[in-house]
Amino acid sequence: MKKFLFITLFFGVFGAAFGRTEPAPQDSIVILFGKSTRITIHAKDKEELKALKNYDFNALLNQVITVMEEDNRRDTSFVMDGDTIVMKGGQVVIKGKEKQTVTFSIRIGGKEGSRVEVNGNDTTVVVKREKKPRTTKKEFTLDLGLNNYLENGRFPDQANAAYGLRPWGSRYVALGYQLQTRISGYKSPLVLHYGLEASFNNFMFDSGQRLTRGPQRVAFADVPNAPDLKKSKLTTIYANLPVMPVLDFGRSHNTRFRIGLGGFIGYRVHSYTKIMYFREGDKQKDHEAGNFFLNNIRYGIQGLLGFRGINLFAKYDLNPLFVPGRGPSPNDLNAFSFGIRL
């Protein structure tokens, strides 16, 4: 009984396909494993079933598992209790020491599965290899955080520049469709993250003025009839292609740790300014779309740090936000963002 239970457990792990249950012929044994996996042993009569006791399937399948775990594709052979066992990849042939006439099969899930046949002195065990998890996974990501930019390594608001930003008002949002491909096998910790992303940078100015486009460059100007400007911002929308190798350690949720470093490249698809103010007690909003001498191409580096279910991200643009010499500053402004990834 223990030998049959071992066979059930072994093929339940390595069997991958499932099918409908078929009626078993006379003198057959059907062993159900889980909800839809079955092992059916066919024999002409009970005497043939009793003959299975002459084979040590427990030791045999232990050896088969060892070979499969080592992924040894070379032909090997050994002797077990007087029976000669020849292994050819995933196939095992047993040449019994006693003449017997036994025919039976073990199937899991209908058309696909594992099968054992005994014909005369030869026993053939065809073992289906373990179905490995898919090496590529898909998921949607949502990045929520803040953004700003640096001028010669400093924040412009520290110098009271007109293009200085409100740190908590400048928000970053990105929606992504991501593929995660595990490199060098499904047990490898190296995972390549790549996909498509739409990013929204909201740069909230702290000067109380509106960003305008002149003939040669952008500048800041007061808004007529709006002395009390409550909000003034520039929003850029880019379509990005991020690529990032990630080391993903730990299989369980409680021990999982991730760290990654990669890059991205993007193309500007839309940009606009927005102001909000009050006139005679009524809230007024105004949008103005334009390119504002923004760089159409952006590229940079990004990083990821995660533990359990929490993922933190950071991104930095290597090229300036505005076309050199056309922005609000004579110096380059390099944008960056950081926050949490859901």
C-alpha atoms as a PDB file:
ATOM      1  CA  MET A   1       0.000   0.000   0.000  1.00  0.00           C
ATOM      2  CA  LYS A   2       2.872   2.379   0.794  1.00  0.00           C
ATOM      3  CA  LYS A   3       4.366   1.721  -2.633  1.00  0.00           C
ATOM      4  CA  PHE A   4       1.130   2.720  -4.376  1.00  0.00           C
ATOM      5  CA  LEU A   5       0.836   5.826  -2.183  1.00  0.00           C
ATOM      6  CA  PHE A   6       4.355   6.825  -3.152  1.00  0.00           C
ATOM      7  CA  ILE A   7       3.517   6.417  -6.840  1.00  0.00           C
ATOM      8  CA  THR A   8       0.395   8.511  -6.324  1.00  0.00           C
ATOM      9  CA  LEU A   9       2.348  11.283  -4.631  1.00  0.00           C
ATOM     10  CA  PHE A  10       5.153  11.231  -7.209  1.00  0.00           C
ATOM     11  CA  PHE A  11       2.964  11.439 -10.273  1.00  0.00           C
ATOM     12  CA  GLY A  12       0.671  13.924  -8.572  1.00  0.00           C
ATOM     13  CA  VAL A  13       3.628  16.315  -8.346  1.00  0.00           C
ATOM     14  CA  PHE A  14       5.058  15.710 -11.815  1.00  0.00           C
ATOM     15  CA  GLY A  15       1.766  15.279 -13.713  1.00  0.00           C
ATOM     16  CA  ALA A  16       0.578  18.536 -15.217  1.00  0.00           C
ATOM     17  CA  ALA A  17      -2.415  17.938 -17.475  1.00  0.00           C
ATOM     18  CA  PHE A  18      -5.910  16.953 -16.440  1.00  0.00           C
ATOM     19  CA  GLY A  19      -8.835  15.385 -18.273  1.00  0.00           C
ATOM     20  CA  ARG A  20     -12.222  13.821 -17.752  1.00  0.00           C
ATOM     21  CA  THR A  21     -12.565  10.622 -15.756  1.00  0.00           C
ATOM     22  CA  GLU A  22     -13.008   7.522 -17.902  1.00  0.00           C
ATOM     23  CA  PRO A  23     -14.705   4.352 -16.663  1.00  0.00           C
ATOM     24  CA  ALA A  24     -12.153   1.767 -15.500  1.00  0.00           C
ATOM     25  CA  PRO A  25     -12.235  -1.750 -16.962  1.00  0.00           C
ATOM     26  CA  GLN A  26     -12.696  -4.867 -14.893  1.00  0.00           C
ATOM     27  CA  ASP A  27      -9.943  -5.666 -12.338  1.00  0.00           C
ATOM     28  CA  SER A  28      -8.637  -2.110 -12.319  1.00  0.00           C
ATOM     29  CA  ILE A  29      -7.697   0.298  -9.554  1.00  0.00           C
ATOM     30  CA  VAL A  30      -8.438   4.033  -9.741  1.00  0.00           C
ATOM     31  CA  ILE A  31      -6.577   6.288  -7.297  1.00  0.00           C
ATOM     32  CA  LEU A  32      -7.795   9.883  -7.087  1.00  0.00           C
ATOM     33  CA  PHE A  33      -5.259  12.575  -6.225  1.00  0.00           C
ATOM     34  CA  GLY A  34      -6.561  16.088  -5.613  1.00  0.00           C
ATOM     35  CA  LYS A  35      -9.708  17.182  -7.452  1.00  0.00           C
ATOM     36  CA  SER A  36      -8.960  16.116 -11.008  1.00  0.00           C
ATOM     37  CA  THR A  37      -5.823  13.962 -11.061  1.00  0.00           C
ATOM     38  CA  ARG A  38      -6.279  10.202 -11.284  1.00  0.00           C
ATOM     39  CA  ILE A  39      -4.031   7.164 -11.499  1.00  0.00           C
ATOM     40  CA  THR A  40      -5.580   4.144 -13.196  1.00  0.00           C
ATOM     41  CA  ILE A  41      -3.941   0.720 -13.072  1.00  0.00           C
ATOM     42  CA  HIS A  42      -5.327  -1.766 -15.613  1.00  0.00           C
ATOM     43  CA  ALA A  43      -4.813  -5.525 -15.433  1.00  0.00           C
ATOM     44  CA  LYS A  44      -6.414  -8.609 -16.924  1.00  0.00           C
ATOM     45  CA  ASP A  45      -7.064 -10.123 -13.503  1.00  0.00           C
ATOM     46  CA  LYS A  46      -6.109  -9.900  -9.835  1.00  0.00           C
ATOM     47  CA  GLU A  47      -3.134 -12.187 -10.358  1.00  0.00           C
ATOM     48  CA  GLU A  48      -1.496  -9.623 -12.575  1.00  0.00           C
ATOM     49  CA  LEU A  49      -2.047  -6.972  -9.948  1.00  0.00           C
ATOM     50  CA  LYS A  50      -0.408  -9.185  -7.325  1.00  0.00           C
ATOM     51  CA  ALA A  51       2.645  -9.519  -9.586  1.00  0.00           C
ATOM     52  CA  LEU A  52       3.386  -5.823  -9.066  1.00  0.00           C
ATOM     53  CA  LYS A  53       4.597  -6.683  -5.582  1.00  0.00           C
ATOM     54  CA  ASN A  54       7.701  -8.201  -7.126  1.00  0.00           C
ATOM     55  CA  TYR A  55       8.954  -4.736  -8.098  1.00  0.00           C
ATOM     56  CA  ASP A  56      10.326  -2.233  -5.605  1.00  0.00           C
ATOM     57  CA  PHE A  57       8.656   0.842  -7.087  1.00  0.00           C
ATOM     58  CA  ASN A  58       9.550   2.915  -4.057  1.00  0.00           C
ATOM     59  CA  ALA A  59      13.288   2.518  -4.645  1.00  0.00           C
ATOM     60  CA  LEU A  60      12.828   2.740  -8.412  1.00  0.00           C
ATOM     61  CA  LEU A  61      10.984   6.055  -8.355  1.00  0.00           C
ATOM     62  CA  ASN A  62      13.447   7.429  -5.804  1.00  0.00           C
ATOM     63  CA  GLN A  63      16.164   6.809  -8.358  1.00  0.00           C
ATOM     64  CA  VAL A  64      14.046   8.315 -11.133  1.00  0.00           C
ATOM     65  CA  ILE A  65      13.481  11.456  -9.059  1.00  0.00           C
ATOM     66  CA  THR A  66      17.222  11.775  -8.438  1.00  0.00           C
ATOM     67  CA  VAL A  67      17.969  11.573 -12.151  1.00  0.00           C
ATOM     68  CA  MET A  68      15.229  14.084 -12.984  1.00  0.00           C
ATOM     69  CA  GLU A  69      16.435  16.546 -10.346  1.00  0.00           C
ATOM     70  CA  GLU A  70      19.954  16.341 -11.754  1.00  0.00           C
ATOM     71  CA  ASP A  71      18.525  16.627 -15.288  1.00  0.00           C
ATOM     72  CA  ASN A  72      20.834  13.815 -16.354  1.00  0.00           C
ATOM     73  CA  ARG A  73      20.072  13.069 -19.996  1.00  0.00           C
ATOM     74  CA  ARG A  74      22.824  10.465 -20.421  1.00  0.00           C
ATOM     75  CA  ASP A  75      21.895   6.800 -20.576  1.00  0.00           C
ATOM     76  CA  THR A  76      22.520   4.993 -17.312  1.00  0.00           C
ATOM     77  CA  SER A  77      21.818   1.540 -15.921  1.00  0.00           C
ATOM     78  CA  PHE A  78      21.902  -0.215 -12.573  1.00  0.00           C
ATOM     79  CA  VAL A  79      20.771  -3.442 -10.915  1.00  0.00           C
ATOM     80  CA  MET A  80      18.095  -3.485  -8.239  1.00  0.00           C
ATOM     81  CA  ASP A  81      17.105  -6.709  -6.503  1.00  0.00           C
ATOM     82  CA  GLY A  82      18.234  -8.724  -9.493  1.00  0.00           C
ATOM     83  CA  ASP A  83      16.301  -6.563 -11.985  1.00  0.00           C
ATOM     84  CA  THR A  84      18.283  -4.639 -14.588  1.00  0.00           C
ATOM     85  CA  ILE A  85      17.101  -1.040 -14.912  1.00  0.00           C
ATOM     86  CA  VAL A  86      18.080   0.941 -17.991  1.00  0.00           C
ATOM     87  CA  MET A  87      17.354   4.697 -17.949  1.00  0.00           C
ATOM     88  CA  LYS A  88      17.231   6.672 -21.184  1.00  0.00           C
ATOM     89  CA  GLY A  89      16.465  10.288 -20.392  1.00  0.00           C
ATOM     90  CA  GLY A  90      12.954  10.242 -18.956  1.00  0.00           C
ATOM     91  CA  GLN A  91      12.351   6.577 -19.829  1.00  0.00           C
ATOM     92  CA  VAL A  92      13.072   3.562 -17.621  1.00  0.00           C
ATOM     93  CA  VAL A  93      13.205  -0.061 -18.808  1.00  0.00           C
ATOM     94  CA  ILE A  94      13.173  -2.856 -16.215  1.00  0.00           C
ATOM     95  CA  LYS A  95      14.264  -6.316 -17.274  1.00  0.00           C
ATOM     96  CA  GLY A  96      12.863  -8.610 -14.608  1.00  0.00           C
ATOM     97  CA  LYS A  97      14.678 -11.646 -13.281  1.00  0.00           C
ATOM     98  CA  GLU A  98      11.464 -13.675 -13.349  1.00  0.00           C
ATOM     99  CA  LYS A  99       9.172 -14.235 -16.310  1.00  0.00           C
ATOM    100  CA  GLN A 100       5.889 -12.438 -15.821  1.00  0.00           C
ATOM    101  CA  THR A 101       3.000 -11.302 -17.951  1.00  0.00           C
ATOM    102  CA  VAL A 102       1.642  -8.086 -16.531  1.00  0.00           C
ATOM    103  CA  THR A 103       0.202  -5.119 -18.425  1.00  0.00           C
ATOM    104  CA  PHE A 104      -0.902  -2.012 -16.588  1.00  0.00           C
ATOM    105  CA  SER A 105      -0.818   1.738 -16.968  1.00  0.00           C
ATOM    106  CA  ILE A 106      -0.814   4.736 -14.696  1.00  0.00           C
ATOM    107  CA  ARG A 107      -2.303   7.873 -16.194  1.00  0.00           C
ATOM    108  CA  ILE A 108      -2.808  11.312 -14.780  1.00  0.00           C
ATOM    109  CA  GLY A 109      -5.288  13.686 -16.290  1.00  0.00           C
ATOM    110  CA  GLY A 110      -6.313  11.852 -19.435  1.00  0.00           C
ATOM    111  CA  LYS A 111      -4.285  12.407 -22.612  1.00  0.00           C
ATOM    112  CA  GLU A 112      -1.162  13.740 -20.917  1.00  0.00           C
ATOM    113  CA  GLY A 113       0.495  12.254 -17.896  1.00  0.00           C
ATOM    114  CA  SER A 114       2.758   9.421 -16.826  1.00  0.00           C
ATOM    115  CA  ARG A 115       2.452   5.818 -17.923  1.00  0.00           C
ATOM    116  CA  VAL A 116       3.863   2.510 -16.704  1.00  0.00           C
ATOM    117  CA  GLU A 117       3.663  -0.618 -18.836  1.00  0.00           C
ATOM    118  CA  VAL A 118       4.810  -4.154 -18.067  1.00  0.00           C
ATOM    119  CA  ASN A 119       4.992  -6.604 -20.961  1.00  0.00           C
ATOM    120  CA  GLY A 120       6.543  -9.994 -20.273  1.00  0.00           C
ATOM    121  CA  ASN A 121      10.015  -9.533 -18.889  1.00  0.00           C
ATOM    122  CA  ASP A 122      10.255  -5.860 -19.826  1.00  0.00           C
ATOM    123  CA  THR A 123       8.830  -3.011 -17.819  1.00  0.00           C
ATOM    124  CA  THR A 124       8.772   0.472 -19.318  1.00  0.00           C
ATOM    125  CA  VAL A 125       8.184   3.472 -17.103  1.00  0.00           C
ATOM    126  CA  VAL A 126       7.601   6.723 -18.991  1.00  0.00           C
ATOM    127  CA  VAL A 127       7.817   9.584 -16.505  1.00  0.00           C
ATOM    128  CA  LYS A 128       6.554  13.033 -17.455  1.00  0.00           C
ATOM    129  CA  ARG A 129       8.950  15.663 -16.214  1.00  0.00           C
ATOM    130  CA  GLU A 130       7.815  18.240 -13.708  1.00  0.00           C
ATOM    131  CA  LYS A 131       5.969  21.125 -15.296  1.00  0.00           C
ATOM    132  CA  LYS A 132       8.082  24.134 -14.408  1.00  0.00           C
ATOM    133  CA  PRO A 133       6.495  27.469 -13.608  1.00  0.00           C
ATOM    134  CA  ARG A 134       6.342  29.949 -16.453  1.00  0.00           C
ATOM    135  CA  THR A 135       9.496  32.029 -16.619  1.00  0.00           C
ATOM    136  CA  THR A 136       7.614  35.156 -17.780  1.00  0.00           C
ATOM    137  CA  LYS A 137       4.904  36.813 -15.723  1.00  0.00           C
ATOM    138  CA  LYS A 138       2.718  39.798 -16.553  1.00  0.00           C
ATOM    139  CA  GLU A 139       1.395  42.470 -14.239  1.00  0.00           C
ATOM    140  CA  PHE A 140       0.093  46.019 -14.142  1.00  0.00           C
ATOM    141  CA  THR A 141       2.030  48.519 -12.025  1.00  0.00           C
ATOM    142  CA  LEU A 142       1.092  51.844 -10.480  1.00  0.00           C
ATOM    143  CA  ASP A 143       3.789  54.266  -9.304  1.00  0.00           C
ATOM    144  CA  LEU A 144       2.747  56.989  -6.863  1.00  0.00           C
ATOM    145  CA  GLY A 145       5.203  59.553  -5.585  1.00  0.00           C
ATOM    146  CA  LEU A 146       6.749  63.006  -5.822  1.00  0.00           C
ATOM    147  CA  ASN A 147       8.982  64.661  -8.393  1.00  0.00           C
ATOM    148  CA  ASN A 148      11.318  67.620  -8.632  1.00  0.00           C
ATOM    149  CA  TYR A 149      14.358  68.691 -10.648  1.00  0.00           C
ATOM    150  CA  LEU A 150      17.931  69.641  -9.888  1.00  0.00           C
ATOM    151  CA  GLU A 151      19.968  72.570 -11.212  1.00  0.00           C
ATOM    152  CA  ASN A 152      23.701  71.921 -10.901  1.00  0.00           C
ATOM    153  CA  GLY A 153      22.927  69.437  -8.116  1.00  0.00           C
ATOM    154  CA  ARG A 154      20.722  71.876  -6.140  1.00  0.00           C
ATOM    155  CA  PHE A 155      16.996  72.508  -5.799  1.00  0.00           C
ATOM    156  CA  PRO A 156      15.976  75.796  -7.510  1.00  0.00           C
ATOM    157  CA  ASP A 157      13.556  76.716  -4.719  1.00  0.00           C
ATOM    158  CA  GLN A 158      16.532  77.016  -2.333  1.00  0.00           C
ATOM    159  CA  ALA A 159      17.690  80.017  -4.371  1.00  0.00           C
ATOM    160  CA  ASN A 160      14.145  81.435  -4.531  1.00  0.00           C
ATOM    161  CA  ALA A 161      14.068  80.977  -8.304  1.00  0.00           C
ATOM    162  CA  ALA A 162      10.811  81.606 -10.152  1.00  0.00           C
ATOM    163  CA  TYR A 163      10.876  78.036 -11.426  1.00  0.00           C
ATOM    164  CA  GLY A 164      11.306  76.571  -7.929  1.00  0.00           C
ATOM    165  CA  LEU A 165       8.774  73.852  -7.059  1.00  0.00           C
ATOM    166  CA  ARG A 166       6.518  73.054  -4.164  1.00  0.00           C
ATOM    167  CA  PRO A 167       7.958  69.731  -2.908  1.00  0.00           C
ATOM    168  CA  TRP A 168       4.663  68.239  -1.690  1.00  0.00           C
ATOM    169  CA  GLY A 169       2.580  69.630  -4.524  1.00  0.00           C
ATOM    170  CA  SER A 170       4.727  68.199  -7.322  1.00  0.00           C
ATOM    171  CA  ARG A 171       3.355  64.694  -7.765  1.00  0.00           C
ATOM    172  CA  TYR A 172       4.357  61.799  -9.987  1.00  0.00           C
ATOM    173  CA  VAL A 173       2.075  59.035 -11.328  1.00  0.00           C
ATOM    174  CA  ALA A 174       2.924  56.211 -13.749  1.00  0.00           C
ATOM    175  CA  LEU A 175       0.791  53.388 -15.123  1.00  0.00           C
ATOM    176  CA  GLY A 176       2.646  50.405 -16.526  1.00  0.00           C
ATOM    177  CA  TYR A 177       2.156  47.015 -18.160  1.00  0.00           C
ATOM    178  CA  GLN A 178       5.166  44.975 -17.172  1.00  0.00           C
ATOM    179  CA  LEU A 179       6.675  41.644 -18.205  1.00  0.00           C
ATOM    180  CA  GLN A 180       8.960  39.850 -15.775  1.00  0.00           C
ATOM    181  CA  THR A 181      11.214  37.188 -17.323  1.00  0.00           C
ATOM    182  CA  ARG A 182      13.343  35.006 -15.076  1.00  0.00           C
ATOM    183  CA  ILE A 183      16.833  34.549 -16.556  1.00  0.00           C
ATOM    184  CA  SER A 184      18.718  31.208 -16.439  1.00  0.00           C
ATOM    185  CA  GLY A 185      15.854  29.025 -15.218  1.00  0.00           C
ATOM    186  CA  TYR A 186      12.852  29.352 -12.969  1.00  0.00           C
ATOM    187  CA  LYS A 187      14.967  29.015  -9.795  1.00  0.00           C
ATOM    188  CA  SER A 188      17.302  31.876 -10.729  1.00  0.00           C
ATOM    189  CA  PRO A 189      16.979  35.101  -8.683  1.00  0.00           C
ATOM    190  CA  LEU A 190      17.714  37.242 -11.755  1.00  0.00           C
ATOM    191  CA  VAL A 191      14.505  38.645 -13.283  1.00  0.00           C
ATOM    192  CA  LEU A 192      14.311  41.103 -16.185  1.00  0.00           C
ATOM    193  CA  HIS A 193      11.524  43.686 -15.857  1.00  0.00           C
ATOM    194  CA  TYR A 194      10.428  45.425 -19.066  1.00  0.00           C
ATOM    195  CA  GLY A 195       7.259  46.733 -20.701  1.00  0.00           C
ATOM    196  CA  LEU A 196       5.312  49.913 -21.466  1.00  0.00           C
ATOM    197  CA  GLU A 197       4.605  52.850 -19.186  1.00  0.00           C
ATOM    198  CA  ALA A 198       2.744  56.151 -19.242  1.00  0.00           C
ATOM    199  CA  SER A 199       4.204  58.677 -16.794  1.00  0.00           C
ATOM    200  CA  PHE A 200       2.703  61.957 -15.560  1.00  0.00           C
ATOM    201  CA  ASN A 201       5.075  64.553 -14.052  1.00  0.00           C
ATOM    202  CA  ASN A 202       3.327  67.448 -12.322  1.00  0.00           C
ATOM    203  CA  PHE A 203       5.711  70.327 -11.589  1.00  0.00           C
ATOM    204  CA  MET A 204       3.943  72.693  -9.159  1.00  0.00           C
ATOM    205  CA  PHE A 205       5.597  76.137  -9.224  1.00  0.00           C
ATOM    206  CA  ASP A 206       5.994  78.166  -6.056  1.00  0.00           C
ATOM    207  CA  SER A 207       6.354  81.639  -7.579  1.00  0.00           C
ATOM    208  CA  GLY A 208       2.709  82.580  -8.051  1.00  0.00           C
ATOM    209  CA  GLN A 209       3.365  83.099 -11.787  1.00  0.00           C
ATOM    210  CA  ARG A 210       2.480  81.229 -14.941  1.00  0.00           C
ATOM    211  CA  LEU A 211       4.912  79.500 -17.279  1.00  0.00           C
ATOM    212  CA  THR A 212       4.619  80.967 -20.778  1.00  0.00           C
ATOM    213  CA  ARG A 213       6.370  80.287 -24.064  1.00  0.00           C
ATOM    214  CA  GLY A 214       8.189  83.113 -25.754  1.00  0.00           C
ATOM    215  CA  PRO A 215       9.770  83.165 -29.190  1.00  0.00           C
ATOM    216  CA  GLN A 216      13.131  81.902 -27.929  1.00  0.00           C
ATOM    217  CA  ARG A 217      12.526  80.364 -24.506  1.00  0.00           C
ATOM    218  CA  VAL A 218       9.978  79.882 -21.739  1.00  0.00           C
ATOM    219  CA  ALA A 219       9.583  82.437 -18.973  1.00  0.00           C
ATOM    220  CA  PHE A 220       7.343  83.272 -16.042  1.00  0.00           C
ATOM    221  CA  ALA A 221       4.791  86.074 -16.048  1.00  0.00           C
ATOM    222  CA  ASP A 222       2.017  87.370 -13.850  1.00  0.00           C
ATOM    223  CA  VAL A 223      -1.535  86.456 -14.785  1.00  0.00           C
ATOM    224  CA  PRO A 224      -3.675  89.535 -15.546  1.00  0.00           C
ATOM    225  CA  ASN A 225      -6.617  90.033 -13.200  1.00  0.00           C
ATOM    226  CA  ALA A 226      -5.406  87.148 -11.035  1.00  0.00           C
ATOM    227  CA  PRO A 227      -3.305  88.633  -8.241  1.00  0.00           C
ATOM    228  CA  ASP A 228      -3.911  85.679  -5.934  1.00  0.00           C
ATOM    229  CA  LEU A 229      -2.756  82.680  -7.976  1.00  0.00           C
ATOM    230  CA  LYS A 230      -3.432  79.522  -5.955  1.00  0.00           C
ATOM    231  CA  LYS A 231      -1.977  76.955  -8.340  1.00  0.00           C
ATOM    232  CA  SER A 232       0.409  77.048 -11.277  1.00  0.00           C
ATOM    233  CA  LYS A 233       1.884  73.892 -12.707  1.00  0.00           C
ATOM    234  CA  LEU A 234       3.405  72.232 -15.748  1.00  0.00           C
ATOM    235  CA  THR A 235       2.342  68.658 -16.585  1.00  0.00           C
ATOM    236  CA  THR A 236       4.293  66.411 -18.932  1.00  0.00           C
ATOM    237  CA  ILE A 237       3.087  63.027 -20.207  1.00  0.00           C
ATOM    238  CA  TYR A 238       5.589  60.549 -21.638  1.00  0.00           C
ATOM    239  CA  ALA A 239       5.305  57.054 -23.075  1.00  0.00           C
ATOM    240  CA  ASN A 240       8.257  55.109 -21.669  1.00  0.00           C
ATOM    241  CA  LEU A 241      10.056  51.828 -22.295  1.00  0.00           C
ATOM    242  CA  PRO A 242      11.621  50.757 -18.977  1.00  0.00           C
ATOM    243  CA  VAL A 243      14.127  47.890 -18.722  1.00  0.00           C
ATOM    244  CA  MET A 244      15.507  46.795 -15.352  1.00  0.00           C
ATOM    245  CA  PRO A 245      17.320  43.647 -14.165  1.00  0.00           C
ATOM    246  CA  VAL A 246      16.119  42.736 -10.663  1.00  0.00           C
ATOM    247  CA  LEU A 247      17.537  40.305  -8.129  1.00  0.00           C
ATOM    248  CA  ASP A 248      14.475  38.683  -6.545  1.00  0.00           C
ATOM    249  CA  PHE A 249      15.270  36.568  -3.475  1.00  0.00           C
ATOM    250  CA  GLY A 250      12.870  34.489  -1.438  1.00  0.00           C
ATOM    251  CA  ARG A 251       9.869  32.493  -2.611  1.00  0.00           C
ATOM    252  CA  SER A 252       7.477  33.205   0.237  1.00  0.00           C
ATOM    253  CA  HIS A 253       5.744  36.519   0.801  1.00  0.00           C
ATOM    254  CA  ASN A 254       7.351  36.983   4.236  1.00  0.00           C
ATOM    255  CA  THR A 255      10.947  36.535   3.053  1.00  0.00           C
ATOM    256  CA  ARG A 256      10.858  38.080  -0.409  1.00  0.00           C
ATOM    257  CA  PHE A 257      13.490  40.746  -1.070  1.00  0.00           C
ATOM    258  CA  ARG A 258      14.057  42.585  -4.372  1.00  0.00           C
ATOM    259  CA  ILE A 259      16.681  45.017  -5.598  1.00  0.00           C
ATOM    260  CA  GLY A 260      17.085  46.282  -9.164  1.00  0.00           C
ATOM    261  CA  LEU A 261      18.827  48.906 -11.275  1.00  0.00           C
ATOM    262  CA  GLY A 262      18.088  49.706 -14.903  1.00  0.00           C
ATOM    263  CA  GLY A 263      17.129  52.411 -17.356  1.00  0.00           C
ATOM    264  CA  PHE A 264      14.288  53.857 -19.408  1.00  0.00           C
ATOM    265  CA  ILE A 265      13.671  55.884 -22.525  1.00  0.00           C
ATOM    266  CA  GLY A 266      10.509  57.854 -23.286  1.00  0.00           C
ATOM    267  CA  TYR A 267       8.753  60.061 -25.818  1.00  0.00           C
ATOM    268  CA  ARG A 268       6.652  63.114 -24.971  1.00  0.00           C
ATOM    269  CA  VAL A 269       3.031  62.679 -26.045  1.00  0.00           C
ATOM    270  CA  HIS A 270       1.429  65.715 -24.351  1.00  0.00           C
ATOM    271  CA  SER A 271       2.207  68.654 -22.079  1.00  0.00           C
ATOM    272  CA  TYR A 272       0.239  71.606 -20.724  1.00  0.00           C
ATOM    273  CA  THR A 273       0.184  74.297 -18.072  1.00  0.00           C
ATOM    274  CA  LYS A 274      -2.650  74.805 -15.607  1.00  0.00           C
ATOM    275  CA  ILE A 275      -3.448  77.669 -13.285  1.00  0.00           C
ATOM    276  CA  MET A 276      -6.121  78.047 -10.638  1.00  0.00           C
ATOM    277  CA  TYR A 277      -7.175  81.316  -9.023  1.00  0.00           C
ATOM    278  CA  PHE A 278     -10.183  83.125  -7.573  1.00  0.00           C
ATOM    279  CA  ARG A 279     -11.917  86.039  -9.261  1.00  0.00           C
ATOM    280  CA  GLU A 280     -14.716  87.801  -7.368  1.00  0.00           C
ATOM    281  CA  GLY A 281     -15.034  84.768  -5.128  1.00  0.00           C
ATOM    282  CA  ASP A 282     -15.353  82.277  -8.007  1.00  0.00           C
ATOM    283  CA  LYS A 283     -12.708  79.624  -8.643  1.00  0.00           C
ATOM    284  CA  GLN A 284     -11.199  79.910 -12.105  1.00  0.00           C
ATOM    285  CA  LYS A 285      -9.115  77.320 -13.996  1.00  0.00           C
ATOM    286  CA  ASP A 286      -7.183  77.720 -17.201  1.00  0.00           C
ATOM    287  CA  HIS A 287      -5.282  75.169 -19.314  1.00  0.00           C
ATOM    288  CA  GLU A 288      -2.819  75.867 -22.081  1.00  0.00           C
ATOM    289  CA  ALA A 289      -1.353  73.040 -24.158  1.00  0.00           C
ATOM    290  CA  GLY A 290       2.030  73.342 -25.861  1.00  0.00           C
ATOM    291  CA  ASN A 291       5.507  71.899 -26.069  1.00  0.00           C
ATOM    292  CA  PHE A 292       7.120  74.705 -23.983  1.00  0.00           C
ATOM    293  CA  PHE A 293      10.523  73.786 -25.451  1.00  0.00           C
ATOM    294  CA  LEU A 294      10.425  70.483 -23.591  1.00  0.00           C
ATOM    295  CA  ASN A 295      12.680  67.687 -24.758  1.00  0.00           C
ATOM    296  CA  ASN A 296      10.630  65.220 -26.791  1.00  0.00           C
ATOM    297  CA  ILE A 297      12.969  62.383 -25.791  1.00  0.00           C
ATOM    298  CA  ARG A 298      13.783  61.543 -22.198  1.00  0.00           C
ATOM    299  CA  TYR A 299      16.097  58.850 -20.858  1.00  0.00           C
ATOM    300  CA  GLY A 300      17.515  58.005 -17.493  1.00  0.00           C
ATOM    301  CA  ILE A 301      18.172  55.450 -14.789  1.00  0.00           C
ATOM    302  CA  GLN A 302      15.775  53.831 -12.330  1.00  0.00           C
ATOM    303  CA  GLY A 303      16.032  51.673  -9.240  1.00  0.00           C
ATOM    304  CA  LEU A 304      13.777  49.362  -7.252  1.00  0.00           C
ATOM    305  CA  LEU A 305      13.975  48.197  -3.647  1.00  0.00           C
ATOM    306  CA  GLY A 306      11.360  45.872  -2.216  1.00  0.00           C
ATOM    307  CA  PHE A 307      10.683  43.769   0.847  1.00  0.00           C
ATOM    308  CA  ARG A 308       7.616  41.557   1.221  1.00  0.00           C
ATOM    309  CA  GLY A 309       4.746  43.450  -0.410  1.00  0.00           C
ATOM    310  CA  ILE A 310       6.342  46.914  -0.335  1.00  0.00           C
ATOM    311  CA  ASN A 311       8.233  48.243  -3.390  1.00  0.00           C
ATOM    312  CA  LEU A 312      10.025  51.589  -3.501  1.00  0.00           C
ATOM    313  CA  PHE A 313      11.187  53.159  -6.769  1.00  0.00           C
ATOM    314  CA  ALA A 314      13.403  56.070  -7.832  1.00  0.00           C
ATOM    315  CA  LYS A 315      13.980  57.552 -11.316  1.00  0.00           C
ATOM    316  CA  TYR A 316      16.421  60.187 -12.571  1.00  0.00           C
ATOM    317  CA  ASP A 317      16.502  61.805 -16.021  1.00  0.00           C
ATOM    318  CA  LEU A 318      19.993  61.923 -17.501  1.00  0.00           C
ATOM    319  CA  ASN A 319      18.993  64.496 -20.119  1.00  0.00           C
ATOM    320  CA  PRO A 320      17.478  67.895 -19.210  1.00  0.00           C
ATOM    321  CA  LEU A 321      13.759  68.535 -18.999  1.00  0.00           C
ATOM    322  CA  PHE A 322      13.931  71.514 -21.402  1.00  0.00           C
ATOM    323  CA  VAL A 323      15.904  71.974 -24.603  1.00  0.00           C
ATOM    324  CA  PRO A 324      19.263  73.478 -23.548  1.00  0.00           C
ATOM    325  CA  GLY A 325      19.104  77.282 -23.612  1.00  0.00           C
ATOM    326  CA  ARG A 326      15.297  77.307 -24.018  1.00  0.00           C
ATOM    327  CA  GLY A 327      14.167  76.581 -20.456  1.00  0.00           C
ATOM    328  CA  PRO A 328      13.441  79.035 -17.641  1.00  0.00           C
ATOM    329  CA  SER A 329      17.030  78.722 -16.447  1.00  0.00           C
ATOM    330  CA  PRO A 330      20.291  79.092 -18.370  1.00  0.00           C
ATOM    331  CA  ASN A 331      21.303  75.824 -16.722  1.00  0.00           C
ATOM    332  CA  ASP A 332      19.912  72.350 -17.312  1.00  0.00           C
ATOM    333  CA  LEU A 333      17.074  71.079 -15.110  1.00  0.00           C
ATOM    334  CA  ASN A 334      17.186  67.307 -14.604  1.00  0.00           C
ATOM    335  CA  ALA A 335      13.960  65.779 -13.307  1.00  0.00           C
ATOM    336  CA  PHE A 336      13.722  62.950 -10.804  1.00  0.00           C
ATOM    337  CA  SER A 337      10.918  61.117  -9.032  1.00  0.00           C
ATOM    338  CA  PHE A 338      10.523  58.645  -6.168  1.00  0.00           C
ATOM    339  CA  GLY A 339       7.752  56.869  -4.311  1.00  0.00           C
ATOM    340  CA  ILE A 340       5.978  53.560  -3.881  1.00  0.00           C
ATOM    341  CA  ARG A 341       5.062  51.007  -6.543  1.00  0.00           C
ATOM    342  CA  LEU A 342       1.769  49.148  -6.239  1.00  0.00           C
END
